[in-house]
Amino acid sequence: MITRYALFEGQVQAGQTDAFRAAVLAEILPKWNAFPGALAVRVCFANERDDGAPEFPLILAISYPDRLAVDTALASSVRAEAKAATESVLARYFTGRIHHHITEAHDSVL
């Protein structure tokens, strides 16, 4: 399985955490869920971190069966819609940057 992570590194504006989270779930998550070929979409909001660790208020993980499915999703029209929704929410609540990482999982489920 291939998982593409989007790491949102930065800060949510003071006092806007609940509004940011609600906007992500209401405005962006439906777009992420619409990516063709996606097997799972995980929206993870940070609650705690180690002292001195960088701040990641949001981590997105979208899993696909293979790299071809990732490429298909990234080339789809849904990506442009998701990007526009993301930019809209971030402009209102977030200062920072987003970086993406593609991983290959080897699960050991206990």
PDB file of N, CA and C in Angstrom:
ATOM      1  N   MET A   1       0.846  -1.173   0.000  1.00  0.00           N
ATOM      2  CA  MET A   1       0.000   0.000   0.000  1.00  0.00           C
ATOM      3  C   MET A   1       0.892   1.236   0.000  1.00  0.00           C
ATOM      4  N   ILE A   2       0.460   2.248  -0.740  1.00  0.00           N
ATOM      5  CA  ILE A   2       1.176   3.514  -0.828  1.00  0.00           C
ATOM      6  C   ILE A   2       0.342   4.569  -0.092  1.00  0.00           C
ATOM      7  N   THR A   3       1.004   5.344   0.744  1.00  0.00           N
ATOM      8  CA  THR A   3       0.317   6.432   1.445  1.00  0.00           C
ATOM      9  C   THR A   3       1.035   7.734   1.149  1.00  0.00           C
ATOM     10  N   ARG A   4       0.241   8.709   0.743  1.00  0.00           N
ATOM     11  CA  ARG A   4       0.775  10.059   0.505  1.00  0.00           C
ATOM     12  C   ARG A   4       0.366  10.921   1.692  1.00  0.00           C
ATOM     13  N   TYR A   5       1.358  11.456   2.382  1.00  0.00           N
ATOM     14  CA  TYR A   5       1.132  12.319   3.541  1.00  0.00           C
ATOM     15  C   TYR A   5       1.278  13.781   3.141  1.00  0.00           C
ATOM     16  N   ALA A   6       0.438  14.603   3.684  1.00  0.00           N
ATOM     17  CA  ALA A   6       0.595  16.054   3.600  1.00  0.00           C
ATOM     18  C   ALA A   6       0.814  16.529   5.031  1.00  0.00           C
ATOM     19  N   LEU A   7       1.967  17.097   5.271  1.00  0.00           N
ATOM     20  CA  LEU A   7       2.315  17.592   6.604  1.00  0.00           C
ATOM     21  C   LEU A   7       2.153  19.109   6.603  1.00  0.00           C
ATOM     22  N   PHE A   8       1.267  19.577   7.436  1.00  0.00           N
ATOM     23  CA  PHE A   8       0.979  21.000   7.543  1.00  0.00           C
ATOM     24  C   PHE A   8       1.824  21.538   8.694  1.00  0.00           C
ATOM     25  N   GLU A   9       2.955  22.100   8.356  1.00  0.00           N
ATOM     26  CA  GLU A   9       3.919  22.582   9.340  1.00  0.00           C
ATOM     27  C   GLU A   9       3.719  24.079   9.541  1.00  0.00           C
ATOM     28  N   GLY A  10       3.401  24.469  10.763  1.00  0.00           N
ATOM     29  CA  GLY A  10       3.183  25.877  11.048  1.00  0.00           C
ATOM     30  C   GLY A  10       2.227  26.045  12.218  1.00  0.00           C
ATOM     31  N   GLN A  11       1.487  27.142  12.191  1.00  0.00           N
ATOM     32  CA  GLN A  11       0.606  27.456  13.316  1.00  0.00           C
ATOM     33  C   GLN A  11      -0.786  27.838  12.826  1.00  0.00           C
ATOM     34  N   VAL A  12      -1.756  27.426  13.621  1.00  0.00           N
ATOM     35  CA  VAL A  12      -3.128  27.909  13.455  1.00  0.00           C
ATOM     36  C   VAL A  12      -3.205  29.210  14.239  1.00  0.00           C
ATOM     37  N   GLN A  13      -3.915  30.188  13.707  1.00  0.00           N
ATOM     38  CA  GLN A  13      -4.047  31.471  14.394  1.00  0.00           C
ATOM     39  C   GLN A  13      -4.596  31.263  15.800  1.00  0.00           C
ATOM     40  N   ALA A  14      -4.099  32.064  16.727  1.00  0.00           N
ATOM     41  CA  ALA A  14      -4.486  31.953  18.130  1.00  0.00           C
ATOM     42  C   ALA A  14      -6.004  31.997  18.278  1.00  0.00           C
ATOM     43  N   GLY A  15      -6.521  31.057  19.035  1.00  0.00           N
ATOM     44  CA  GLY A  15      -7.948  30.998  19.319  1.00  0.00           C
ATOM     45  C   GLY A  15      -8.799  30.450  18.184  1.00  0.00           C
ATOM     46  N   GLN A  16      -8.164  29.972  17.104  1.00  0.00           N
ATOM     47  CA  GLN A  16      -8.906  29.510  15.924  1.00  0.00           C
ATOM     48  C   GLN A  16      -8.824  28.001  15.688  1.00  0.00           C
ATOM     49  N   THR A  17      -8.308  27.256  16.660  1.00  0.00           N
ATOM     50  CA  THR A  17      -8.124  25.812  16.459  1.00  0.00           C
ATOM     51  C   THR A  17      -9.434  25.109  16.141  1.00  0.00           C
ATOM     52  N   ASP A  18     -10.472  25.359  16.912  1.00  0.00           N
ATOM     53  CA  ASP A  18     -11.753  24.678  16.667  1.00  0.00           C
ATOM     54  C   ASP A  18     -12.335  25.065  15.317  1.00  0.00           C
ATOM     55  N   ALA A  19     -12.250  26.334  14.959  1.00  0.00           N
ATOM     56  CA  ALA A  19     -12.767  26.787  13.664  1.00  0.00           C
ATOM     57  C   ALA A  19     -11.953  26.175  12.520  1.00  0.00           C
ATOM     58  N   PHE A  20     -10.639  26.104  12.682  1.00  0.00           N
ATOM     59  CA  PHE A  20      -9.771  25.488  11.675  1.00  0.00           C
ATOM     60  C   PHE A  20     -10.150  24.028  11.471  1.00  0.00           C
ATOM     61  N   ARG A  21     -10.271  23.293  12.541  1.00  0.00           N
ATOM     62  CA  ARG A  21     -10.616  21.874  12.441  1.00  0.00           C
ATOM     63  C   ARG A  21     -11.984  21.669  11.802  1.00  0.00           C
ATOM     64  N   ALA A  22     -12.950  22.465  12.192  1.00  0.00           N
ATOM     65  CA  ALA A  22     -14.292  22.354  11.613  1.00  0.00           C
ATOM     66  C   ALA A  22     -14.262  22.654  10.116  1.00  0.00           C
ATOM     67  N   ALA A  23     -13.506  23.665   9.710  1.00  0.00           N
ATOM     68  CA  ALA A  23     -13.411  24.028   8.296  1.00  0.00           C
ATOM     69  C   ALA A  23     -12.722  22.927   7.491  1.00  0.00           C
ATOM     70  N   VAL A  24     -11.673  22.334   8.039  1.00  0.00           N
ATOM     71  CA  VAL A  24     -10.994  21.234   7.350  1.00  0.00           C
ATOM     72  C   VAL A  24     -11.973  20.087   7.110  1.00  0.00           C
ATOM     73  N   LEU A  25     -12.721  19.717   8.143  1.00  0.00           N
ATOM     74  CA  LEU A  25     -13.645  18.589   8.020  1.00  0.00           C
ATOM     75  C   LEU A  25     -14.827  18.887   7.103  1.00  0.00           C
ATOM     76  N   ALA A  26     -15.331  20.103   7.155  1.00  0.00           N
ATOM     77  CA  ALA A  26     -16.515  20.451   6.358  1.00  0.00           C
ATOM     78  C   ALA A  26     -16.181  20.827   4.918  1.00  0.00           C
ATOM     79  N   GLU A  27     -15.067  21.531   4.719  1.00  0.00           N
ATOM     80  CA  GLU A  27     -14.777  22.099   3.405  1.00  0.00           C
ATOM     81  C   GLU A  27     -13.760  21.321   2.582  1.00  0.00           C
ATOM     82  N   ILE A  28     -12.792  20.701   3.238  1.00  0.00           N
ATOM     83  CA  ILE A  28     -11.723  20.024   2.494  1.00  0.00           C
ATOM     84  C   ILE A  28     -11.893  18.508   2.486  1.00  0.00           C
ATOM     85  N   LEU A  29     -12.261  17.924   3.607  1.00  0.00           N
ATOM     86  CA  LEU A  29     -12.356  16.467   3.679  1.00  0.00           C
ATOM     87  C   LEU A  29     -13.240  15.865   2.585  1.00  0.00           C
ATOM     88  N   PRO A  30     -14.393  16.455   2.251  1.00  0.00           N
ATOM     89  CA  PRO A  30     -15.175  15.863   1.152  1.00  0.00           C
ATOM     90  C   PRO A  30     -14.404  15.808  -0.170  1.00  0.00           C
ATOM     91  N   LYS A  31     -13.545  16.774  -0.414  1.00  0.00           N
ATOM     92  CA  LYS A  31     -12.718  16.767  -1.629  1.00  0.00           C
ATOM     93  C   LYS A  31     -11.676  15.660  -1.557  1.00  0.00           C
ATOM     94  N   TRP A  32     -11.012  15.534  -0.405  1.00  0.00           N
ATOM     95  CA  TRP A  32     -10.014  14.479  -0.248  1.00  0.00           C
ATOM     96  C   TRP A  32     -10.660  13.100  -0.385  1.00  0.00           C
ATOM     97  N   ASN A  33     -11.858  12.944   0.162  1.00  0.00           N
ATOM     98  CA  ASN A  33     -12.563  11.666   0.051  1.00  0.00           C
ATOM     99  C   ASN A  33     -12.920  11.322  -1.393  1.00  0.00           C
ATOM    100  N   ALA A  34     -12.981  12.316  -2.254  1.00  0.00           N
ATOM    101  CA  ALA A  34     -13.365  12.109  -3.654  1.00  0.00           C
ATOM    102  C   ALA A  34     -12.195  11.735  -4.564  1.00  0.00           C
ATOM    103  N   PHE A  35     -10.969  11.704  -4.043  1.00  0.00           N
ATOM    104  CA  PHE A  35      -9.834  11.334  -4.884  1.00  0.00           C
ATOM    105  C   PHE A  35     -10.046   9.935  -5.448  1.00  0.00           C
ATOM    106  N   PRO A  36      -9.939   9.782  -6.769  1.00  0.00           N
ATOM    107  CA  PRO A  36     -10.139   8.464  -7.363  1.00  0.00           C
ATOM    108  C   PRO A  36      -9.061   7.482  -6.893  1.00  0.00           C
ATOM    109  N   GLY A  37      -9.489   6.282  -6.576  1.00  0.00           N
ATOM    110  CA  GLY A  37      -8.557   5.235  -6.173  1.00  0.00           C
ATOM    111  C   GLY A  37      -8.158   5.246  -4.724  1.00  0.00           C
ATOM    112  N   ALA A  38      -8.571   6.244  -3.964  1.00  0.00           N
ATOM    113  CA  ALA A  38      -8.185   6.305  -2.549  1.00  0.00           C
ATOM    114  C   ALA A  38      -8.840   5.160  -1.772  1.00  0.00           C
ATOM    115  N   LEU A  39      -8.044   4.494  -0.958  1.00  0.00           N
ATOM    116  CA  LEU A  39      -8.544   3.416  -0.107  1.00  0.00           C
ATOM    117  C   LEU A  39      -8.933   3.915   1.273  1.00  0.00           C
ATOM    118  N   ALA A  40      -8.207   4.904   1.760  1.00  0.00           N
ATOM    119  CA  ALA A  40      -8.455   5.447   3.097  1.00  0.00           C
ATOM    120  C   ALA A  40      -7.947   6.879   3.151  1.00  0.00           C
ATOM    121  N   VAL A  41      -8.689   7.713   3.854  1.00  0.00           N
ATOM    122  CA  VAL A  41      -8.300   9.105   4.082  1.00  0.00           C
ATOM    123  C   VAL A  41      -8.285   9.317   5.589  1.00  0.00           C
ATOM    124  N   ARG A  42      -7.126   9.742   6.095  1.00  0.00           N
ATOM    125  CA  ARG A  42      -6.994   9.991   7.532  1.00  0.00           C
ATOM    126  C   ARG A  42      -6.621  11.451   7.754  1.00  0.00           C
ATOM    127  N   VAL A  43      -7.460  12.152   8.496  1.00  0.00           N
ATOM    128  CA  VAL A  43      -7.192  13.534   8.884  1.00  0.00           C
ATOM    129  C   VAL A  43      -6.815  13.493  10.358  1.00  0.00           C
ATOM    130  N   CYS A  44      -5.596  13.890  10.652  1.00  0.00           N
ATOM    131  CA  CYS A  44      -5.080  13.818  12.018  1.00  0.00           C
ATOM    132  C   CYS A  44      -4.751  15.219  12.524  1.00  0.00           C
ATOM    133  N   PHE A  45      -5.433  15.626  13.585  1.00  0.00           N
ATOM    134  CA  PHE A  45      -5.169  16.915  14.210  1.00  0.00           C
ATOM    135  C   PHE A  45      -4.271  16.696  15.416  1.00  0.00           C
ATOM    136  N   ALA A  46      -3.239  17.512  15.533  1.00  0.00           N
ATOM    137  CA  ALA A  46      -2.280  17.365  16.624  1.00  0.00           C
ATOM    138  C   ALA A  46      -2.856  17.888  17.933  1.00  0.00           C
ATOM    139  N   ASN A  47      -2.644  17.118  18.974  1.00  0.00           N
ATOM    140  CA  ASN A  47      -3.040  17.538  20.322  1.00  0.00           C
ATOM    141  C   ASN A  47      -1.841  17.851  21.201  1.00  0.00           C
ATOM    142  N   GLU A  48      -0.724  17.154  20.966  1.00  0.00           N
ATOM    143  CA  GLU A  48       0.473  17.332  21.778  1.00  0.00           C
ATOM    144  C   GLU A  48       1.701  17.068  20.918  1.00  0.00           C
ATOM    145  N   ARG A  49       2.851  17.559  21.391  1.00  0.00           N
ATOM    146  CA  ARG A  49       4.124  17.247  20.743  1.00  0.00           C
ATOM    147  C   ARG A  49       5.240  17.364  21.778  1.00  0.00           C
ATOM    148  N   ASP A  50       6.370  16.770  21.463  1.00  0.00           N
ATOM    149  CA  ASP A  50       7.532  16.848  22.336  1.00  0.00           C
ATOM    150  C   ASP A  50       8.022  18.285  22.416  1.00  0.00           C
ATOM    151  N   ASP A  51       8.641  18.635  23.535  1.00  0.00           N
ATOM    152  CA  ASP A  51       9.256  19.949  23.656  1.00  0.00           C
ATOM    153  C   ASP A  51      10.275  20.135  22.541  1.00  0.00           C
ATOM    154  N   GLY A  52      10.190  21.261  21.854  1.00  0.00           N
ATOM    155  CA  GLY A  52      11.129  21.573  20.788  1.00  0.00           C
ATOM    156  C   GLY A  52      10.783  20.963  19.439  1.00  0.00           C
ATOM    157  N   ALA A  53       9.767  20.118  19.385  1.00  0.00           N
ATOM    158  CA  ALA A  53       9.387  19.503  18.105  1.00  0.00           C
ATOM    159  C   ALA A  53       8.676  20.525  17.225  1.00  0.00           C
ATOM    160  N   PRO A  54       8.818  20.406  15.905  1.00  0.00           N
ATOM    161  CA  PRO A  54       8.092  21.326  15.025  1.00  0.00           C
ATOM    162  C   PRO A  54       6.591  21.128  15.177  1.00  0.00           C
ATOM    163  N   GLU A  55       5.850  22.171  14.864  1.00  0.00           N
ATOM    164  CA  GLU A  55       4.400  22.140  15.029  1.00  0.00           C
ATOM    165  C   GLU A  55       3.744  21.686  13.725  1.00  0.00           C
ATOM    166  N   PHE A  56       2.954  20.623  13.817  1.00  0.00           N
ATOM    167  CA  PHE A  56       2.172  20.091  12.707  1.00  0.00           C
ATOM    168  C   PHE A  56       0.718  20.008  13.159  1.00  0.00           C
ATOM    169  N   PRO A  57      -0.052  21.084  13.015  1.00  0.00           N
ATOM    170  CA  PRO A  57      -1.433  21.051  13.494  1.00  0.00           C
ATOM    171  C   PRO A  57      -2.328  20.093  12.716  1.00  0.00           C
ATOM    172  N   LEU A  58      -1.882  19.693  11.510  1.00  0.00           N
ATOM    173  CA  LEU A  58      -2.670  18.789  10.684  1.00  0.00           C
ATOM    174  C   LEU A  58      -1.732  17.892   9.896  1.00  0.00           C
ATOM    175  N   ILE A  59      -2.058  16.612   9.889  1.00  0.00           N
ATOM    176  CA  ILE A  59      -1.373  15.650   9.037  1.00  0.00           C
ATOM    177  C   ILE A  59      -2.458  14.885   8.289  1.00  0.00           C
ATOM    178  N   LEU A  60      -2.345  14.877   6.972  1.00  0.00           N
ATOM    179  CA  LEU A  60      -3.281  14.166   6.111  1.00  0.00           C
ATOM    180  C   LEU A  60      -2.581  12.943   5.547  1.00  0.00           C
ATOM    181  N   ALA A  61      -3.259  11.807   5.565  1.00  0.00           N
ATOM    182  CA  ALA A  61      -2.733  10.589   4.961  1.00  0.00           C
ATOM    183  C   ALA A  61      -3.801   9.995   4.049  1.00  0.00           C
ATOM    184  N   ILE A  62      -3.469   9.858   2.778  1.00  0.00           N
ATOM    185  CA  ILE A  62      -4.378   9.212   1.836  1.00  0.00           C
ATOM    186  C   ILE A  62      -3.659   7.980   1.286  1.00  0.00           C
ATOM    187  N   SER A  63      -4.281   6.823   1.462  1.00  0.00           N
ATOM    188  CA  SER A  63      -3.684   5.559   1.032  1.00  0.00           C
ATOM    189  C   SER A  63      -4.301   5.088  -0.282  1.00  0.00           C
ATOM    190  N   TYR A  64      -3.439   4.492  -1.085  1.00  0.00           N
ATOM    191  CA  TYR A  64      -3.805   3.992  -2.406  1.00  0.00           C
ATOM    192  C   TYR A  64      -3.237   2.584  -2.571  1.00  0.00           C
ATOM    193  N   PRO A  65      -3.784   1.803  -3.499  1.00  0.00           N
ATOM    194  CA  PRO A  65      -3.272   0.440  -3.669  1.00  0.00           C
ATOM    195  C   PRO A  65      -1.883   0.379  -4.288  1.00  0.00           C
ATOM    196  N   ASP A  66      -1.528   1.392  -5.109  1.00  0.00           N
ATOM    197  CA  ASP A  66      -0.234   1.376  -5.782  1.00  0.00           C
ATOM    198  C   ASP A  66       0.102   2.778  -6.284  1.00  0.00           C
ATOM    199  N   ARG A  67       1.303   2.919  -6.828  1.00  0.00           N
ATOM    200  CA  ARG A  67       1.767   4.234  -7.282  1.00  0.00           C
ATOM    201  C   ARG A  67       0.947   4.754  -8.463  1.00  0.00           C
ATOM    202  N   LEU A  68       0.488   3.868  -9.326  1.00  0.00           N
ATOM    203  CA  LEU A  68      -0.340   4.291 -10.453  1.00  0.00           C
ATOM    204  C   LEU A  68      -1.607   4.983  -9.948  1.00  0.00           C
ATOM    205  N   ALA A  69      -2.196   4.468  -8.899  1.00  0.00           N
ATOM    206  CA  ALA A  69      -3.399   5.088  -8.327  1.00  0.00           C
ATOM    207  C   ALA A  69      -3.079   6.477  -7.767  1.00  0.00           C
ATOM    208  N   VAL A  70      -1.909   6.646  -7.153  1.00  0.00           N
ATOM    209  CA  VAL A  70      -1.491   7.960  -6.654  1.00  0.00           C
ATOM    210  C   VAL A  70      -1.395   8.934  -7.832  1.00  0.00           C
ATOM    211  N   ASP A  71      -0.718   8.522  -8.878  1.00  0.00           N
ATOM    212  CA  ASP A  71      -0.532   9.384 -10.042  1.00  0.00           C
ATOM    213  C   ASP A  71      -1.868   9.741 -10.689  1.00  0.00           C
ATOM    214  N   THR A  72      -2.780   8.784 -10.744  1.00  0.00           N
ATOM    215  CA  THR A  72      -4.111   9.037 -11.306  1.00  0.00           C
ATOM    216  C   THR A  72      -4.856  10.067 -10.466  1.00  0.00           C
ATOM    217  N   ALA A  73      -4.794   9.919  -9.155  1.00  0.00           N
ATOM    218  CA  ALA A  73      -5.462  10.871  -8.259  1.00  0.00           C
ATOM    219  C   ALA A  73      -4.866  12.266  -8.402  1.00  0.00           C
ATOM    220  N   LEU A  74      -3.557  12.352  -8.483  1.00  0.00           N
ATOM    221  CA  LEU A  74      -2.894  13.652  -8.587  1.00  0.00           C
ATOM    222  C   LEU A  74      -3.164  14.329  -9.926  1.00  0.00           C
ATOM    223  N   ALA A  75      -3.465  13.547 -10.948  1.00  0.00           N
ATOM    224  CA  ALA A  75      -3.763  14.106 -12.260  1.00  0.00           C
ATOM    225  C   ALA A  75      -5.253  14.404 -12.452  1.00  0.00           C
ATOM    226  N   SER A  76      -6.067  14.043 -11.480  1.00  0.00           N
ATOM    227  CA  SER A  76      -7.516  14.197 -11.616  1.00  0.00           C
ATOM    228  C   SER A  76      -7.963  15.636 -11.368  1.00  0.00           C
ATOM    229  N   SER A  77      -9.147  15.945 -11.852  1.00  0.00           N
ATOM    230  CA  SER A  77      -9.727  17.274 -11.614  1.00  0.00           C
ATOM    231  C   SER A  77     -10.048  17.493 -10.143  1.00  0.00           C
ATOM    232  N   VAL A  78     -10.224  16.416  -9.413  1.00  0.00           N
ATOM    233  CA  VAL A  78     -10.516  16.527  -7.982  1.00  0.00           C
ATOM    234  C   VAL A  78      -9.354  17.195  -7.248  1.00  0.00           C
ATOM    235  N   ARG A  79      -8.138  16.953  -7.708  1.00  0.00           N
ATOM    236  CA  ARG A  79      -6.985  17.561  -7.041  1.00  0.00           C
ATOM    237  C   ARG A  79      -7.068  19.081  -7.080  1.00  0.00           C
ATOM    238  N   ALA A  80      -7.442  19.656  -8.205  1.00  0.00           N
ATOM    239  CA  ALA A  80      -7.567  21.118  -8.304  1.00  0.00           C
ATOM    240  C   ALA A  80      -8.649  21.623  -7.355  1.00  0.00           C
ATOM    241  N   GLU A  81      -9.745  20.897  -7.246  1.00  0.00           N
ATOM    242  CA  GLU A  81     -10.812  21.286  -6.319  1.00  0.00           C
ATOM    243  C   GLU A  81     -10.333  21.211  -4.874  1.00  0.00           C
ATOM    244  N   ALA A  82      -9.609  20.151  -4.557  1.00  0.00           N
ATOM    245  CA  ALA A  82      -9.086  19.985  -3.200  1.00  0.00           C
ATOM    246  C   ALA A  82      -8.067  21.068  -2.872  1.00  0.00           C
ATOM    247  N   LYS A  83      -7.236  21.385  -3.844  1.00  0.00           N
ATOM    248  CA  LYS A  83      -6.218  22.429  -3.627  1.00  0.00           C
ATOM    249  C   LYS A  83      -6.886  23.780  -3.373  1.00  0.00           C
ATOM    250  N   ALA A  84      -7.914  24.107  -4.143  1.00  0.00           N
ATOM    251  CA  ALA A  84      -8.625  25.383  -3.943  1.00  0.00           C
ATOM    252  C   ALA A  84      -9.291  25.432  -2.577  1.00  0.00           C
ATOM    253  N   ALA A  85      -9.922  24.344  -2.161  1.00  0.00           N
ATOM    254  CA  ALA A  85     -10.565  24.301  -0.842  1.00  0.00           C
ATOM    255  C   ALA A  85      -9.525  24.427   0.266  1.00  0.00           C
ATOM    256  N   THR A  86      -8.393  23.755   0.095  1.00  0.00           N
ATOM    257  CA  THR A  86      -7.314  23.816   1.084  1.00  0.00           C
ATOM    258  C   THR A  86      -6.779  25.235   1.198  1.00  0.00           C
ATOM    259  N   GLU A  87      -6.507  25.862   0.069  1.00  0.00           N
ATOM    260  CA  GLU A  87      -5.988  27.234   0.088  1.00  0.00           C
ATOM    261  C   GLU A  87      -6.961  28.191   0.754  1.00  0.00           C
ATOM    262  N   SER A  88      -8.247  27.997   0.546  1.00  0.00           N
ATOM    263  CA  SER A  88      -9.260  28.846   1.160  1.00  0.00           C
ATOM    264  C   SER A  88      -9.231  28.729   2.685  1.00  0.00           C
ATOM    265  N   VAL A  89      -9.191  27.505   3.174  1.00  0.00           N
ATOM    266  CA  VAL A  89      -9.161  27.297   4.632  1.00  0.00           C
ATOM    267  C   VAL A  89      -7.849  27.802   5.216  1.00  0.00           C
ATOM    268  N   LEU A  90      -6.754  27.482   4.576  1.00  0.00           N
ATOM    269  CA  LEU A  90      -5.452  27.905   5.121  1.00  0.00           C
ATOM    270  C   LEU A  90      -5.329  29.418   5.164  1.00  0.00           C
ATOM    271  N   ALA A  91      -5.844  30.102   4.176  1.00  0.00           N
ATOM    272  CA  ALA A  91      -5.765  31.566   4.159  1.00  0.00           C
ATOM    273  C   ALA A  91      -6.473  32.173   5.355  1.00  0.00           C
ATOM    274  N   ARG A  92      -7.484  31.518   5.838  1.00  0.00           N
ATOM    275  CA  ARG A  92      -8.252  32.045   6.974  1.00  0.00           C
ATOM    276  C   ARG A  92      -7.662  31.687   8.332  1.00  0.00           C
ATOM    277  N   TYR A  93      -6.953  30.552   8.413  1.00  0.00           N
ATOM    278  CA  TYR A  93      -6.594  30.040   9.737  1.00  0.00           C
ATOM    279  C   TYR A  93      -5.139  29.651   9.957  1.00  0.00           C
ATOM    280  N   PHE A  94      -4.342  29.504   8.926  1.00  0.00           N
ATOM    281  CA  PHE A  94      -3.055  28.824   9.052  1.00  0.00           C
ATOM    282  C   PHE A  94      -1.919  29.647   8.469  1.00  0.00           C
ATOM    283  N   THR A  95      -0.783  29.644   9.161  1.00  0.00           N
ATOM    284  CA  THR A  95       0.450  30.224   8.649  1.00  0.00           C
ATOM    285  C   THR A  95       1.501  29.127   8.688  1.00  0.00           C
ATOM    286  N   GLY A  96       2.084  28.850   7.538  1.00  0.00           N
ATOM    287  CA  GLY A  96       3.105  27.810   7.497  1.00  0.00           C
ATOM    288  C   GLY A  96       3.280  27.279   6.099  1.00  0.00           C
ATOM    289  N   ARG A  97       3.677  26.019   6.023  1.00  0.00           N
ATOM    290  CA  ARG A  97       3.905  25.394   4.731  1.00  0.00           C
ATOM    291  C   ARG A  97       3.386  23.956   4.766  1.00  0.00           C
ATOM    292  N   ILE A  98       3.203  23.419   3.586  1.00  0.00           N
ATOM    293  CA  ILE A  98       2.773  22.026   3.446  1.00  0.00           C
ATOM    294  C   ILE A  98       3.857  21.295   2.666  1.00  0.00           C
ATOM    295  N   HIS A  99       4.218  20.131   3.147  1.00  0.00           N
ATOM    296  CA  HIS A  99       5.094  19.287   2.343  1.00  0.00           C
ATOM    297  C   HIS A  99       4.527  17.879   2.308  1.00  0.00           C
ATOM    298  N   HIS A 100       4.806  17.203   1.195  1.00  0.00           N
ATOM    299  CA  HIS A 100       4.231  15.888   0.946  1.00  0.00           C
ATOM    300  C   HIS A 100       5.320  14.816   0.967  1.00  0.00           C
ATOM    301  N   HIS A 101       4.931  13.651   1.452  1.00  0.00           N
ATOM    302  CA  HIS A 101       5.818  12.499   1.498  1.00  0.00           C
ATOM    303  C   HIS A 101       5.029  11.272   1.041  1.00  0.00           C
ATOM    304  N   ILE A 102       5.608  10.483   0.162  1.00  0.00           N
ATOM    305  CA  ILE A 102       4.956   9.265  -0.295  1.00  0.00           C
ATOM    306  C   ILE A 102       5.704   8.098   0.325  1.00  0.00           C
ATOM    307  N   THR A 103       4.945   7.208   0.985  1.00  0.00           N
ATOM    308  CA  THR A 103       5.543   6.089   1.702  1.00  0.00           C
ATOM    309  C   THR A 103       4.938   4.780   1.229  1.00  0.00           C
ATOM    310  N   GLU A 104       5.679   3.728   1.465  1.00  0.00           N
ATOM    311  CA  GLU A 104       5.204   2.375   1.216  1.00  0.00           C
ATOM    312  C   GLU A 104       5.113   1.671   2.558  1.00  0.00           C
ATOM    313  N   ALA A 105       3.930   1.204   2.903  1.00  0.00           N
ATOM    314  CA  ALA A 105       3.708   0.622   4.233  1.00  0.00           C
ATOM    315  C   ALA A 105       3.932  -0.895   4.223  1.00  0.00           C
ATOM    316  N   HIS A 106       4.457  -1.357   5.319  1.00  0.00           N
ATOM    317  CA  HIS A 106       4.589  -2.783   5.600  1.00  0.00           C
ATOM    318  C   HIS A 106       3.977  -2.978   6.981  1.00  0.00           C
ATOM    319  N   ASP A 107       2.668  -3.231   6.995  1.00  0.00           N
ATOM    320  CA  ASP A 107       1.931  -3.296   8.255  1.00  0.00           C
ATOM    321  C   ASP A 107       2.149  -4.612   8.991  1.00  0.00           C
ATOM    322  N   SER A 108       2.151  -4.482  10.287  1.00  0.00           N
ATOM    323  CA  SER A 108       2.141  -5.629  11.185  1.00  0.00           C
ATOM    324  C   SER A 108       1.007  -5.379  12.164  1.00  0.00           C
ATOM    325  N   VAL A 109      -0.162  -5.865  11.834  1.00  0.00           N
ATOM    326  CA  VAL A 109      -1.340  -5.625  12.653  1.00  0.00           C
ATOM    327  C   VAL A 109      -1.401  -6.680  13.742  1.00  0.00           C
ATOM    328  N   LEU A 110      -1.507  -6.249  14.975  1.00  0.00           N
ATOM    329  CA  LEU A 110      -1.529  -7.166  16.120  1.00  0.00           C
ATOM    330  C   LEU A 110      -2.930  -7.352  16.650  1.00  0.00           C
TER     331      LEU A 110
END
